[in-house]
Amino acid sequence: MDECQGTVLNDASGFGNIGTINIGAAGSQTQVGTCTDGLSTSAWNNGAVGKFNSSLNFDGTDDYVSVANTISNVQSLSLWAKPASTSAAIGLIKLATGIDVKINNGGSIGTDGITSPTIYINGHTGGKVTASQWNHIVVTTGTAITANAITLGKTQQGVLNGQLDDVRLFNYPLTPLQVQLLYNNNSAVQFAPLTGTP
């Protein structure tokens, strides 16, 4: 989600799974805009500071991204989410009809239609998503999913109010070590930036 303009989200994997950004006329965002337009009604501007470079912001009313392609054998998904609130159930990603991942009221991650999911938040199983900060969410399963109705930011539970970044789908169940590497941006350990004096 580094395009910073336009209605197309490109697939960095090279498999051509292109997303189409849909910004509705209701809610606080009414246009796609750009990362630098300075408009509070612009989805790109409101997502200009992402987890990695830019992200896309969803207003919780009628914004979402649709992917037309069918992706077979999905067994893991990974994404970064920065919800504005965790006080209501909101959708993160729909893979197919009745198969989705959401943030539950209170910040736990829930799934529908995913067989025996293992859920990781910020590199560990268990825990809860925190509002107004970036959270790494991974869901794995040993049962392959045919993702034929992919929607980012919108499921049957509702529309995300917040930002999404770095959405990935895998055709194998990620191991705990692989989840940690994703969380730490491909490093064995994530170091915080140094601040203040030693």
N, C-alpha and C. Protein backbone atom coordinates (compact mmCIF):
# COMPACT_ATOMS: atom_id res chain seq x y z
N MET A 1 0.83 -1.19 0.00
CA MET A 1 0.00 0.00 0.00
C MET A 1 0.87 1.25 0.00
N ASP A 2 1.77 1.27 -0.96
CA ASP A 2 2.70 2.40 -1.07
C ASP A 2 2.45 3.25 -2.31
N GLU A 3 1.31 3.03 -2.98
CA GLU A 3 1.05 3.78 -4.22
C GLU A 3 0.84 5.26 -3.95
N CYS A 4 0.17 5.59 -2.85
CA CYS A 4 -0.06 6.99 -2.42
C CYS A 4 -0.96 7.78 -3.36
N GLN A 5 -1.56 7.14 -4.34
CA GLN A 5 -2.50 7.82 -5.22
C GLN A 5 -3.25 6.77 -6.05
N GLY A 6 -4.37 7.17 -6.59
CA GLY A 6 -5.12 6.29 -7.48
C GLY A 6 -5.94 5.24 -6.75
N THR A 7 -6.70 4.47 -7.51
CA THR A 7 -7.62 3.47 -6.95
C THR A 7 -7.13 2.04 -7.10
N VAL A 8 -5.86 1.85 -7.48
CA VAL A 8 -5.31 0.52 -7.69
C VAL A 8 -4.27 0.21 -6.62
N LEU A 9 -4.40 -0.96 -5.98
CA LEU A 9 -3.37 -1.49 -5.10
C LEU A 9 -2.66 -2.60 -5.85
N ASN A 10 -1.36 -2.46 -6.03
CA ASN A 10 -0.60 -3.44 -6.78
C ASN A 10 -0.16 -4.59 -5.90
N ASP A 11 0.12 -5.72 -6.52
CA ASP A 11 0.54 -6.93 -5.83
C ASP A 11 2.06 -7.02 -5.90
N ALA A 12 2.74 -6.82 -4.75
CA ALA A 12 4.20 -6.84 -4.72
C ALA A 12 4.77 -8.23 -4.97
N SER A 13 3.95 -9.27 -4.85
CA SER A 13 4.44 -10.64 -5.06
C SER A 13 4.69 -10.95 -6.53
N GLY A 14 4.11 -10.17 -7.41
CA GLY A 14 4.26 -10.42 -8.84
C GLY A 14 3.22 -11.36 -9.43
N PHE A 15 2.23 -11.80 -8.61
CA PHE A 15 1.20 -12.71 -9.09
C PHE A 15 -0.01 -11.99 -9.68
N GLY A 16 -0.01 -10.68 -9.68
CA GLY A 16 -1.07 -9.93 -10.34
C GLY A 16 -2.39 -9.88 -9.62
N ASN A 17 -2.38 -10.04 -8.30
CA ASN A 17 -3.62 -9.95 -7.52
C ASN A 17 -3.88 -8.49 -7.16
N ILE A 18 -4.42 -7.78 -8.12
CA ILE A 18 -4.61 -6.33 -8.02
C ILE A 18 -5.86 -6.01 -7.21
N GLY A 19 -5.75 -5.02 -6.32
CA GLY A 19 -6.89 -4.56 -5.55
C GLY A 19 -7.46 -3.27 -6.11
N THR A 20 -8.77 -3.11 -5.97
CA THR A 20 -9.45 -1.87 -6.39
C THR A 20 -9.99 -1.17 -5.16
N ILE A 21 -9.56 0.08 -4.96
CA ILE A 21 -9.97 0.86 -3.80
C ILE A 21 -11.35 1.47 -4.06
N ASN A 22 -12.25 1.28 -3.10
CA ASN A 22 -13.60 1.83 -3.19
C ASN A 22 -13.82 2.77 -1.99
N ILE A 23 -13.90 4.05 -2.26
CA ILE A 23 -14.15 5.05 -1.22
C ILE A 23 -15.56 5.58 -1.43
N GLY A 24 -16.44 5.30 -0.46
CA GLY A 24 -17.83 5.70 -0.59
C GLY A 24 -18.04 7.18 -0.31
N ALA A 25 -19.24 7.65 -0.62
CA ALA A 25 -19.58 9.07 -0.47
C ALA A 25 -19.98 9.43 0.95
N ALA A 26 -20.26 8.43 1.80
CA ALA A 26 -20.64 8.71 3.18
C ALA A 26 -19.41 8.62 4.08
N GLY A 27 -19.56 8.97 5.34
CA GLY A 27 -18.46 8.88 6.29
C GLY A 27 -17.51 10.04 6.19
N SER A 28 -16.40 9.95 6.92
CA SER A 28 -15.45 11.06 7.01
C SER A 28 -14.54 11.17 5.80
N GLN A 29 -14.39 10.09 5.02
CA GLN A 29 -13.57 10.11 3.81
C GLN A 29 -14.48 9.97 2.60
N THR A 30 -14.30 10.85 1.64
CA THR A 30 -15.16 10.83 0.46
C THR A 30 -14.37 10.77 -0.84
N GLN A 31 -13.05 10.66 -0.74
CA GLN A 31 -12.22 10.61 -1.95
C GLN A 31 -10.96 9.81 -1.68
N VAL A 32 -10.37 9.30 -2.76
CA VAL A 32 -9.13 8.55 -2.65
C VAL A 32 -7.98 9.49 -2.33
N GLY A 33 -7.85 10.58 -3.09
CA GLY A 33 -6.82 11.58 -2.84
C GLY A 33 -5.41 11.07 -3.06
N THR A 34 -4.45 11.73 -2.40
CA THR A 34 -3.04 11.34 -2.46
C THR A 34 -2.45 11.45 -1.05
N CYS A 35 -1.25 10.91 -0.88
CA CYS A 35 -0.60 10.97 0.42
C CYS A 35 -0.19 12.38 0.81
N THR A 36 -0.12 13.27 -0.15
CA THR A 36 0.38 14.63 0.13
C THR A 36 -0.64 15.73 -0.12
N ASP A 37 -1.92 15.36 -0.31
CA ASP A 37 -2.90 16.42 -0.63
C ASP A 37 -3.34 17.22 0.59
N GLY A 38 -3.07 16.73 1.80
CA GLY A 38 -3.41 17.47 3.02
C GLY A 38 -4.89 17.50 3.35
N LEU A 39 -5.70 16.69 2.67
CA LEU A 39 -7.14 16.72 2.87
C LEU A 39 -7.58 15.67 3.89
N SER A 40 -8.37 16.08 4.86
CA SER A 40 -8.86 15.15 5.88
C SER A 40 -9.90 14.19 5.32
N THR A 41 -10.38 14.44 4.11
CA THR A 41 -11.37 13.58 3.46
C THR A 41 -10.72 12.59 2.49
N SER A 42 -9.39 12.50 2.49
CA SER A 42 -8.65 11.68 1.54
C SER A 42 -8.11 10.41 2.22
N ALA A 43 -8.43 9.25 1.65
CA ALA A 43 -8.00 7.96 2.22
C ALA A 43 -6.48 7.80 2.19
N TRP A 44 -5.85 8.23 1.10
CA TRP A 44 -4.39 8.13 1.05
C TRP A 44 -3.74 9.11 2.02
N ASN A 45 -4.23 10.33 2.09
CA ASN A 45 -3.65 11.31 3.01
C ASN A 45 -3.76 10.85 4.46
N ASN A 46 -4.93 10.30 4.83
CA ASN A 46 -5.13 9.83 6.20
C ASN A 46 -4.31 8.59 6.51
N GLY A 47 -3.82 7.91 5.47
CA GLY A 47 -2.97 6.74 5.67
C GLY A 47 -1.52 6.98 5.26
N ALA A 48 -1.14 8.24 5.10
CA ALA A 48 0.19 8.57 4.57
C ALA A 48 1.33 8.00 5.41
N VAL A 49 1.14 7.90 6.71
CA VAL A 49 2.16 7.31 7.57
C VAL A 49 1.69 5.90 7.93
N GLY A 50 2.27 4.91 7.28
CA GLY A 50 1.89 3.53 7.52
C GLY A 50 2.88 2.82 8.41
N LYS A 51 2.72 1.52 8.56
CA LYS A 51 3.71 0.73 9.28
C LYS A 51 5.00 0.69 8.49
N PHE A 52 4.88 0.48 7.18
CA PHE A 52 6.02 0.53 6.28
C PHE A 52 5.66 1.52 5.18
N ASN A 53 6.32 2.64 5.14
CA ASN A 53 6.02 3.71 4.19
C ASN A 53 4.58 4.17 4.40
N SER A 54 3.75 4.14 3.36
CA SER A 54 2.36 4.59 3.50
C SER A 54 1.44 3.40 3.76
N SER A 55 0.16 3.71 4.00
CA SER A 55 -0.87 2.69 4.20
C SER A 55 -2.15 3.24 3.60
N LEU A 56 -3.25 2.53 3.80
CA LEU A 56 -4.55 3.02 3.35
C LEU A 56 -5.46 3.14 4.56
N ASN A 57 -6.19 4.23 4.63
CA ASN A 57 -7.11 4.46 5.75
C ASN A 57 -8.54 4.15 5.31
N PHE A 58 -9.30 3.56 6.24
CA PHE A 58 -10.71 3.22 6.04
C PHE A 58 -11.52 4.00 7.07
N ASP A 59 -12.66 4.56 6.69
CA ASP A 59 -13.38 5.47 7.60
C ASP A 59 -14.44 4.81 8.46
N GLY A 60 -14.58 3.48 8.37
CA GLY A 60 -15.54 2.78 9.22
C GLY A 60 -16.97 2.85 8.72
N THR A 61 -17.18 3.41 7.54
CA THR A 61 -18.53 3.56 7.01
C THR A 61 -18.73 2.79 5.70
N ASP A 62 -17.93 3.12 4.69
CA ASP A 62 -18.19 2.54 3.37
C ASP A 62 -16.94 2.41 2.50
N ASP A 63 -15.77 2.31 3.12
CA ASP A 63 -14.51 2.19 2.38
C ASP A 63 -14.01 0.75 2.43
N TYR A 64 -13.52 0.24 1.31
CA TYR A 64 -12.97 -1.12 1.26
C TYR A 64 -12.15 -1.29 -0.01
N VAL A 65 -11.42 -2.40 -0.07
CA VAL A 65 -10.64 -2.78 -1.25
C VAL A 65 -11.12 -4.15 -1.69
N SER A 66 -11.40 -4.31 -2.98
CA SER A 66 -11.82 -5.61 -3.51
C SER A 66 -10.74 -6.16 -4.43
N VAL A 67 -10.55 -7.49 -4.39
CA VAL A 67 -9.60 -8.17 -5.26
C VAL A 67 -10.38 -9.17 -6.09
N ALA A 68 -10.31 -9.02 -7.41
CA ALA A 68 -11.14 -9.85 -8.30
C ALA A 68 -10.61 -11.26 -8.46
N ASN A 69 -9.31 -11.46 -8.32
CA ASN A 69 -8.71 -12.77 -8.58
C ASN A 69 -9.11 -13.80 -7.52
N THR A 70 -9.14 -15.07 -7.94
CA THR A 70 -9.27 -16.18 -7.00
C THR A 70 -7.88 -16.69 -6.67
N ILE A 71 -7.61 -16.85 -5.37
CA ILE A 71 -6.31 -17.36 -4.92
C ILE A 71 -6.55 -18.69 -4.22
N SER A 72 -5.99 -19.74 -4.76
CA SER A 72 -6.20 -21.09 -4.21
C SER A 72 -5.21 -21.40 -3.10
N ASN A 73 -5.61 -22.32 -2.23
CA ASN A 73 -4.73 -22.90 -1.23
C ASN A 73 -4.15 -21.87 -0.25
N VAL A 74 -4.96 -20.94 0.21
CA VAL A 74 -4.51 -19.99 1.23
C VAL A 74 -4.53 -20.69 2.58
N GLN A 75 -3.38 -20.67 3.29
CA GLN A 75 -3.30 -21.28 4.61
C GLN A 75 -2.78 -20.33 5.68
N SER A 76 -2.37 -19.15 5.28
CA SER A 76 -1.96 -18.13 6.25
C SER A 76 -2.26 -16.76 5.67
N LEU A 77 -2.59 -15.84 6.56
CA LEU A 77 -2.68 -14.44 6.16
C LEU A 77 -2.00 -13.60 7.22
N SER A 78 -1.40 -12.51 6.76
CA SER A 78 -0.67 -11.62 7.64
C SER A 78 -1.02 -10.19 7.24
N LEU A 79 -1.21 -9.33 8.22
CA LEU A 79 -1.47 -7.92 7.93
C LEU A 79 -1.11 -7.08 9.15
N TRP A 80 -0.93 -5.80 8.91
CA TRP A 80 -0.75 -4.82 9.97
C TRP A 80 -2.01 -3.96 10.00
N ALA A 81 -2.57 -3.76 11.19
CA ALA A 81 -3.79 -2.96 11.35
C ALA A 81 -3.59 -1.95 12.48
N LYS A 82 -4.13 -0.77 12.25
CA LYS A 82 -4.12 0.29 13.26
C LYS A 82 -5.56 0.79 13.42
N PRO A 83 -6.37 0.07 14.22
CA PRO A 83 -7.78 0.47 14.36
C PRO A 83 -7.92 1.71 15.22
N ALA A 84 -8.88 2.55 14.89
CA ALA A 84 -9.14 3.75 15.70
C ALA A 84 -9.73 3.38 17.05
N SER A 85 -10.42 2.23 17.11
CA SER A 85 -11.06 1.80 18.34
C SER A 85 -11.19 0.29 18.34
N THR A 86 -11.31 -0.31 19.52
CA THR A 86 -11.58 -1.74 19.63
C THR A 86 -12.86 -1.98 20.45
N SER A 87 -13.73 -0.98 20.46
CA SER A 87 -14.95 -1.06 21.28
C SER A 87 -16.14 -1.64 20.52
N ALA A 88 -15.93 -2.07 19.29
CA ALA A 88 -16.99 -2.72 18.51
C ALA A 88 -16.34 -3.69 17.53
N ALA A 89 -17.08 -4.71 17.13
CA ALA A 89 -16.56 -5.66 16.16
C ALA A 89 -16.41 -5.00 14.80
N ILE A 90 -15.24 -5.16 14.18
CA ILE A 90 -14.99 -4.57 12.87
C ILE A 90 -14.27 -5.57 11.98
N GLY A 91 -14.53 -5.51 10.71
CA GLY A 91 -13.93 -6.43 9.77
C GLY A 91 -12.53 -6.02 9.36
N LEU A 92 -11.67 -7.02 9.11
CA LEU A 92 -10.33 -6.77 8.59
C LEU A 92 -10.19 -7.27 7.16
N ILE A 93 -10.51 -8.56 6.95
CA ILE A 93 -10.36 -9.14 5.62
C ILE A 93 -11.36 -10.27 5.43
N LYS A 94 -11.98 -10.29 4.27
CA LYS A 94 -12.84 -11.41 3.87
C LYS A 94 -12.12 -12.15 2.76
N LEU A 95 -12.03 -13.47 2.89
CA LEU A 95 -11.41 -14.28 1.86
C LEU A 95 -12.43 -14.88 0.90
N ALA A 96 -13.56 -15.29 1.45
CA ALA A 96 -14.64 -15.87 0.66
C ALA A 96 -15.92 -15.68 1.47
N THR A 97 -17.06 -16.02 0.89
CA THR A 97 -18.32 -15.88 1.61
C THR A 97 -18.28 -16.71 2.89
N GLY A 98 -18.46 -16.04 4.03
CA GLY A 98 -18.45 -16.71 5.32
C GLY A 98 -17.08 -17.04 5.86
N ILE A 99 -16.01 -16.58 5.19
CA ILE A 99 -14.64 -16.83 5.65
C ILE A 99 -13.94 -15.49 5.83
N ASP A 100 -13.74 -15.09 7.08
CA ASP A 100 -13.16 -13.78 7.30
C ASP A 100 -12.44 -13.68 8.65
N VAL A 101 -11.76 -12.56 8.83
CA VAL A 101 -11.04 -12.24 10.06
C VAL A 101 -11.49 -10.87 10.51
N LYS A 102 -11.73 -10.75 11.82
CA LYS A 102 -12.27 -9.50 12.36
C LYS A 102 -11.61 -9.19 13.70
N ILE A 103 -11.75 -7.94 14.13
CA ILE A 103 -11.40 -7.54 15.49
C ILE A 103 -12.70 -7.57 16.29
N ASN A 104 -12.72 -8.36 17.35
CA ASN A 104 -13.90 -8.42 18.20
C ASN A 104 -13.96 -7.23 19.14
N ASN A 105 -15.14 -6.96 19.68
CA ASN A 105 -15.29 -5.96 20.72
C ASN A 105 -14.36 -6.32 21.87
N GLY A 106 -13.46 -5.43 22.23
CA GLY A 106 -12.49 -5.69 23.28
C GLY A 106 -11.09 -5.95 22.75
N GLY A 107 -10.94 -6.19 21.45
CA GLY A 107 -9.61 -6.27 20.86
C GLY A 107 -9.09 -7.65 20.53
N SER A 108 -9.84 -8.73 20.86
CA SER A 108 -9.37 -10.05 20.44
C SER A 108 -9.63 -10.22 18.94
N ILE A 109 -8.95 -11.17 18.33
CA ILE A 109 -9.14 -11.46 16.91
C ILE A 109 -10.07 -12.66 16.78
N GLY A 110 -11.08 -12.53 15.92
CA GLY A 110 -12.00 -13.62 15.66
C GLY A 110 -11.96 -14.01 14.20
N THR A 111 -12.37 -15.25 13.93
CA THR A 111 -12.45 -15.72 12.55
C THR A 111 -13.79 -16.38 12.32
N ASP A 112 -14.21 -16.41 11.08
CA ASP A 112 -15.39 -17.16 10.66
C ASP A 112 -14.98 -18.06 9.50
N GLY A 113 -15.36 -19.32 9.57
CA GLY A 113 -15.15 -20.24 8.46
C GLY A 113 -13.73 -20.74 8.28
N ILE A 114 -12.83 -20.45 9.20
CA ILE A 114 -11.44 -20.92 9.11
C ILE A 114 -11.28 -22.09 10.08
N THR A 115 -10.87 -23.25 9.56
CA THR A 115 -10.76 -24.47 10.37
C THR A 115 -9.55 -24.41 11.30
N SER A 116 -9.79 -24.60 12.59
CA SER A 116 -8.73 -24.68 13.61
C SER A 116 -7.67 -23.60 13.43
N PRO A 117 -8.06 -22.34 13.45
CA PRO A 117 -7.08 -21.27 13.22
C PRO A 117 -6.12 -21.10 14.40
N THR A 118 -4.88 -20.77 14.10
CA THR A 118 -3.93 -20.29 15.09
C THR A 118 -3.77 -18.80 14.86
N ILE A 119 -3.99 -18.01 15.90
CA ILE A 119 -4.00 -16.55 15.77
C ILE A 119 -2.82 -15.97 16.53
N TYR A 120 -2.06 -15.14 15.84
CA TYR A 120 -0.93 -14.44 16.45
C TYR A 120 -1.20 -12.94 16.43
N ILE A 121 -0.89 -12.29 17.54
CA ILE A 121 -0.94 -10.83 17.60
C ILE A 121 0.43 -10.36 18.07
N ASN A 122 1.06 -9.53 17.25
CA ASN A 122 2.39 -8.99 17.55
C ASN A 122 3.40 -10.09 17.88
N GLY A 123 3.36 -11.15 17.06
CA GLY A 123 4.36 -12.19 17.14
C GLY A 123 4.09 -13.33 18.09
N HIS A 124 3.00 -13.24 18.86
CA HIS A 124 2.70 -14.27 19.86
C HIS A 124 1.24 -14.70 19.75
N THR A 125 0.95 -15.94 20.15
CA THR A 125 -0.43 -16.37 20.21
C THR A 125 -1.10 -15.69 21.40
N GLY A 126 -2.39 -15.46 21.25
CA GLY A 126 -3.13 -14.79 22.32
C GLY A 126 -2.91 -13.29 22.30
N GLY A 127 -3.38 -12.64 23.35
CA GLY A 127 -3.25 -11.20 23.43
C GLY A 127 -4.39 -10.49 22.74
N LYS A 128 -4.31 -9.18 22.72
CA LYS A 128 -5.36 -8.36 22.12
C LYS A 128 -4.75 -7.24 21.30
N VAL A 129 -5.53 -6.78 20.35
CA VAL A 129 -5.16 -5.63 19.52
C VAL A 129 -5.35 -4.36 20.34
N THR A 130 -4.43 -3.43 20.17
CA THR A 130 -4.51 -2.15 20.86
C THR A 130 -4.94 -1.07 19.87
N ALA A 131 -5.91 -0.25 20.27
CA ALA A 131 -6.38 0.83 19.41
C ALA A 131 -5.30 1.90 19.24
N SER A 132 -5.32 2.54 18.09
CA SER A 132 -4.46 3.69 17.78
C SER A 132 -2.98 3.35 17.75
N GLN A 133 -2.64 2.09 17.56
CA GLN A 133 -1.25 1.72 17.32
C GLN A 133 -1.21 0.55 16.35
N TRP A 134 -0.05 0.33 15.72
CA TRP A 134 0.07 -0.73 14.74
C TRP A 134 0.15 -2.09 15.42
N ASN A 135 -0.64 -3.04 14.94
CA ASN A 135 -0.70 -4.40 15.45
C ASN A 135 -0.48 -5.36 14.29
N HIS A 136 0.41 -6.34 14.51
CA HIS A 136 0.64 -7.36 13.49
C HIS A 136 -0.27 -8.55 13.78
N ILE A 137 -1.07 -8.94 12.81
CA ILE A 137 -2.06 -10.00 12.97
C ILE A 137 -1.78 -11.09 11.94
N VAL A 138 -1.65 -12.33 12.42
CA VAL A 138 -1.44 -13.48 11.55
C VAL A 138 -2.45 -14.55 11.93
N VAL A 139 -3.06 -15.17 10.92
CA VAL A 139 -3.95 -16.31 11.13
C VAL A 139 -3.46 -17.43 10.23
N THR A 140 -3.27 -18.62 10.82
CA THR A 140 -2.85 -19.79 10.04
C THR A 140 -3.85 -20.92 10.22
N THR A 141 -3.89 -21.81 9.25
CA THR A 141 -4.75 -22.99 9.30
C THR A 141 -4.10 -24.11 8.49
N GLY A 142 -4.36 -25.35 8.86
CA GLY A 142 -3.89 -26.48 8.09
C GLY A 142 -4.82 -26.87 6.97
N THR A 143 -5.97 -26.21 6.89
CA THR A 143 -6.98 -26.52 5.87
C THR A 143 -7.00 -25.41 4.82
N ALA A 144 -6.70 -25.75 3.59
CA ALA A 144 -6.58 -24.76 2.52
C ALA A 144 -7.91 -24.06 2.27
N ILE A 145 -7.82 -22.76 1.98
CA ILE A 145 -8.98 -21.92 1.67
C ILE A 145 -8.86 -21.45 0.23
N THR A 146 -9.95 -21.49 -0.51
CA THR A 146 -10.01 -20.87 -1.82
C THR A 146 -10.56 -19.47 -1.64
N ALA A 147 -9.69 -18.48 -1.78
CA ALA A 147 -10.08 -17.08 -1.57
C ALA A 147 -10.63 -16.54 -2.88
N ASN A 148 -11.95 -16.48 -2.99
CA ASN A 148 -12.57 -16.08 -4.25
C ASN A 148 -13.45 -14.84 -4.13
N ALA A 149 -13.40 -14.19 -2.99
CA ALA A 149 -14.17 -12.95 -2.81
C ALA A 149 -13.42 -12.07 -1.80
N ILE A 150 -12.16 -11.75 -2.12
CA ILE A 150 -11.30 -11.03 -1.18
C ILE A 150 -11.71 -9.58 -1.06
N THR A 151 -11.91 -9.16 0.19
CA THR A 151 -12.24 -7.76 0.49
C THR A 151 -11.40 -7.34 1.68
N LEU A 152 -10.68 -6.25 1.56
CA LEU A 152 -9.89 -5.70 2.65
C LEU A 152 -10.67 -4.58 3.32
N GLY A 153 -10.71 -4.63 4.65
CA GLY A 153 -11.36 -3.55 5.40
C GLY A 153 -12.85 -3.66 5.56
N LYS A 154 -13.45 -4.75 5.05
CA LYS A 154 -14.90 -4.91 5.14
C LYS A 154 -15.27 -6.39 5.14
N THR A 155 -16.03 -6.80 6.16
CA THR A 155 -16.57 -8.15 6.23
C THR A 155 -18.03 -8.04 6.66
N GLN A 156 -18.66 -9.19 6.92
CA GLN A 156 -20.05 -9.16 7.38
C GLN A 156 -20.18 -8.50 8.74
N GLN A 157 -19.05 -8.39 9.49
CA GLN A 157 -19.09 -7.77 10.81
C GLN A 157 -19.03 -6.24 10.75
N GLY A 158 -18.66 -5.70 9.62
CA GLY A 158 -18.60 -4.25 9.50
C GLY A 158 -17.36 -3.79 8.77
N VAL A 159 -17.17 -2.48 8.78
CA VAL A 159 -16.09 -1.84 8.04
C VAL A 159 -15.05 -1.32 9.02
N LEU A 160 -13.79 -1.50 8.68
CA LEU A 160 -12.69 -1.04 9.51
C LEU A 160 -12.67 0.47 9.62
N ASN A 161 -12.51 0.97 10.84
CA ASN A 161 -12.21 2.38 11.07
C ASN A 161 -10.76 2.42 11.50
N GLY A 162 -9.87 2.71 10.55
CA GLY A 162 -8.45 2.71 10.84
C GLY A 162 -7.64 2.39 9.59
N GLN A 163 -6.39 1.99 9.78
CA GLN A 163 -5.47 1.78 8.68
C GLN A 163 -5.07 0.32 8.53
N LEU A 164 -4.78 -0.08 7.28
CA LEU A 164 -4.23 -1.40 6.96
C LEU A 164 -2.95 -1.21 6.18
N ASP A 165 -2.02 -2.15 6.38
CA ASP A 165 -0.76 -2.10 5.64
C ASP A 165 -0.21 -3.52 5.50
N ASP A 166 0.56 -3.74 4.46
CA ASP A 166 1.34 -4.96 4.24
C ASP A 166 0.52 -6.23 4.40
N VAL A 167 -0.54 -6.36 3.61
CA VAL A 167 -1.41 -7.55 3.64
C VAL A 167 -0.76 -8.64 2.78
N ARG A 168 -0.62 -9.84 3.37
CA ARG A 168 0.02 -10.96 2.65
C ARG A 168 -0.80 -12.24 2.83
N LEU A 169 -0.86 -13.05 1.77
CA LEU A 169 -1.48 -14.37 1.82
C LEU A 169 -0.42 -15.40 1.47
N PHE A 170 -0.43 -16.56 2.16
CA PHE A 170 0.55 -17.61 1.95
C PHE A 170 -0.15 -18.93 1.67
N ASN A 171 0.49 -19.80 0.88
CA ASN A 171 -0.10 -21.10 0.56
C ASN A 171 0.45 -22.21 1.46
N TYR A 172 0.86 -21.87 2.66
CA TYR A 172 1.30 -22.83 3.67
C TYR A 172 1.09 -22.20 5.05
N PRO A 173 0.97 -23.03 6.09
CA PRO A 173 0.82 -22.48 7.43
C PRO A 173 2.17 -21.93 7.92
N LEU A 174 2.22 -20.68 8.25
CA LEU A 174 3.44 -20.09 8.78
C LEU A 174 3.80 -20.74 10.12
N THR A 175 5.07 -20.95 10.36
CA THR A 175 5.53 -21.47 11.64
C THR A 175 5.66 -20.31 12.63
N PRO A 176 5.73 -20.60 13.93
CA PRO A 176 5.94 -19.51 14.90
C PRO A 176 7.19 -18.68 14.60
N LEU A 177 8.27 -19.32 14.13
CA LEU A 177 9.48 -18.58 13.79
C LEU A 177 9.23 -17.65 12.60
N GLN A 178 8.52 -18.14 11.58
CA GLN A 178 8.21 -17.30 10.43
C GLN A 178 7.32 -16.12 10.81
N VAL A 179 6.39 -16.34 11.74
CA VAL A 179 5.56 -15.24 12.23
C VAL A 179 6.42 -14.21 12.94
N GLN A 180 7.35 -14.66 13.77
CA GLN A 180 8.25 -13.74 14.46
C GLN A 180 9.09 -12.94 13.47
N LEU A 181 9.58 -13.60 12.42
CA LEU A 181 10.37 -12.90 11.41
C LEU A 181 9.55 -11.84 10.69
N LEU A 182 8.30 -12.16 10.37
CA LEU A 182 7.43 -11.17 9.75
C LEU A 182 7.20 -9.99 10.68
N TYR A 183 6.91 -10.30 11.94
CA TYR A 183 6.67 -9.25 12.93
C TYR A 183 7.90 -8.35 13.10
N ASN A 184 9.08 -8.96 13.07
CA ASN A 184 10.32 -8.21 13.25
C ASN A 184 10.90 -7.71 11.93
N ASN A 185 10.10 -7.74 10.88
CA ASN A 185 10.52 -7.23 9.57
C ASN A 185 11.76 -7.97 9.07
N ASN A 186 11.69 -9.31 9.13
CA ASN A 186 12.75 -10.20 8.64
C ASN A 186 14.04 -10.15 9.45
N SER A 187 13.97 -9.69 10.69
CA SER A 187 15.12 -9.71 11.59
C SER A 187 14.83 -10.69 12.72
N ALA A 188 15.87 -11.23 13.29
CA ALA A 188 15.68 -12.15 14.41
C ALA A 188 15.14 -11.41 15.64
N VAL A 189 15.52 -10.13 15.77
CA VAL A 189 15.09 -9.32 16.91
C VAL A 189 14.72 -7.94 16.39
N GLN A 190 13.66 -7.36 16.94
CA GLN A 190 13.28 -6.00 16.57
C GLN A 190 13.79 -5.05 17.65
N PHE A 191 14.68 -4.14 17.26
CA PHE A 191 15.23 -3.18 18.21
C PHE A 191 14.47 -1.87 18.09
N ALA A 192 14.12 -1.29 19.24
CA ALA A 192 13.47 0.02 19.25
C ALA A 192 14.53 1.07 18.97
N PRO A 193 14.12 2.21 18.37
CA PRO A 193 15.10 3.28 18.13
C PRO A 193 15.59 3.83 19.46
N LEU A 194 16.86 4.21 19.50
CA LEU A 194 17.42 4.79 20.71
C LEU A 194 16.90 6.20 20.92
N THR A 195 16.50 6.50 22.13
CA THR A 195 16.02 7.84 22.46
C THR A 195 16.65 8.27 23.77
N GLY A 196 16.83 9.54 23.95
CA GLY A 196 17.36 10.05 25.20
C GLY A 196 18.83 9.73 25.37
N THR A 197 19.31 9.80 26.59
CA THR A 197 20.71 9.51 26.87
C THR A 197 20.84 8.16 27.53
N PRO A 198 21.95 7.46 27.34
CA PRO A 198 22.12 6.15 27.93
C PRO A 198 22.22 6.21 29.45
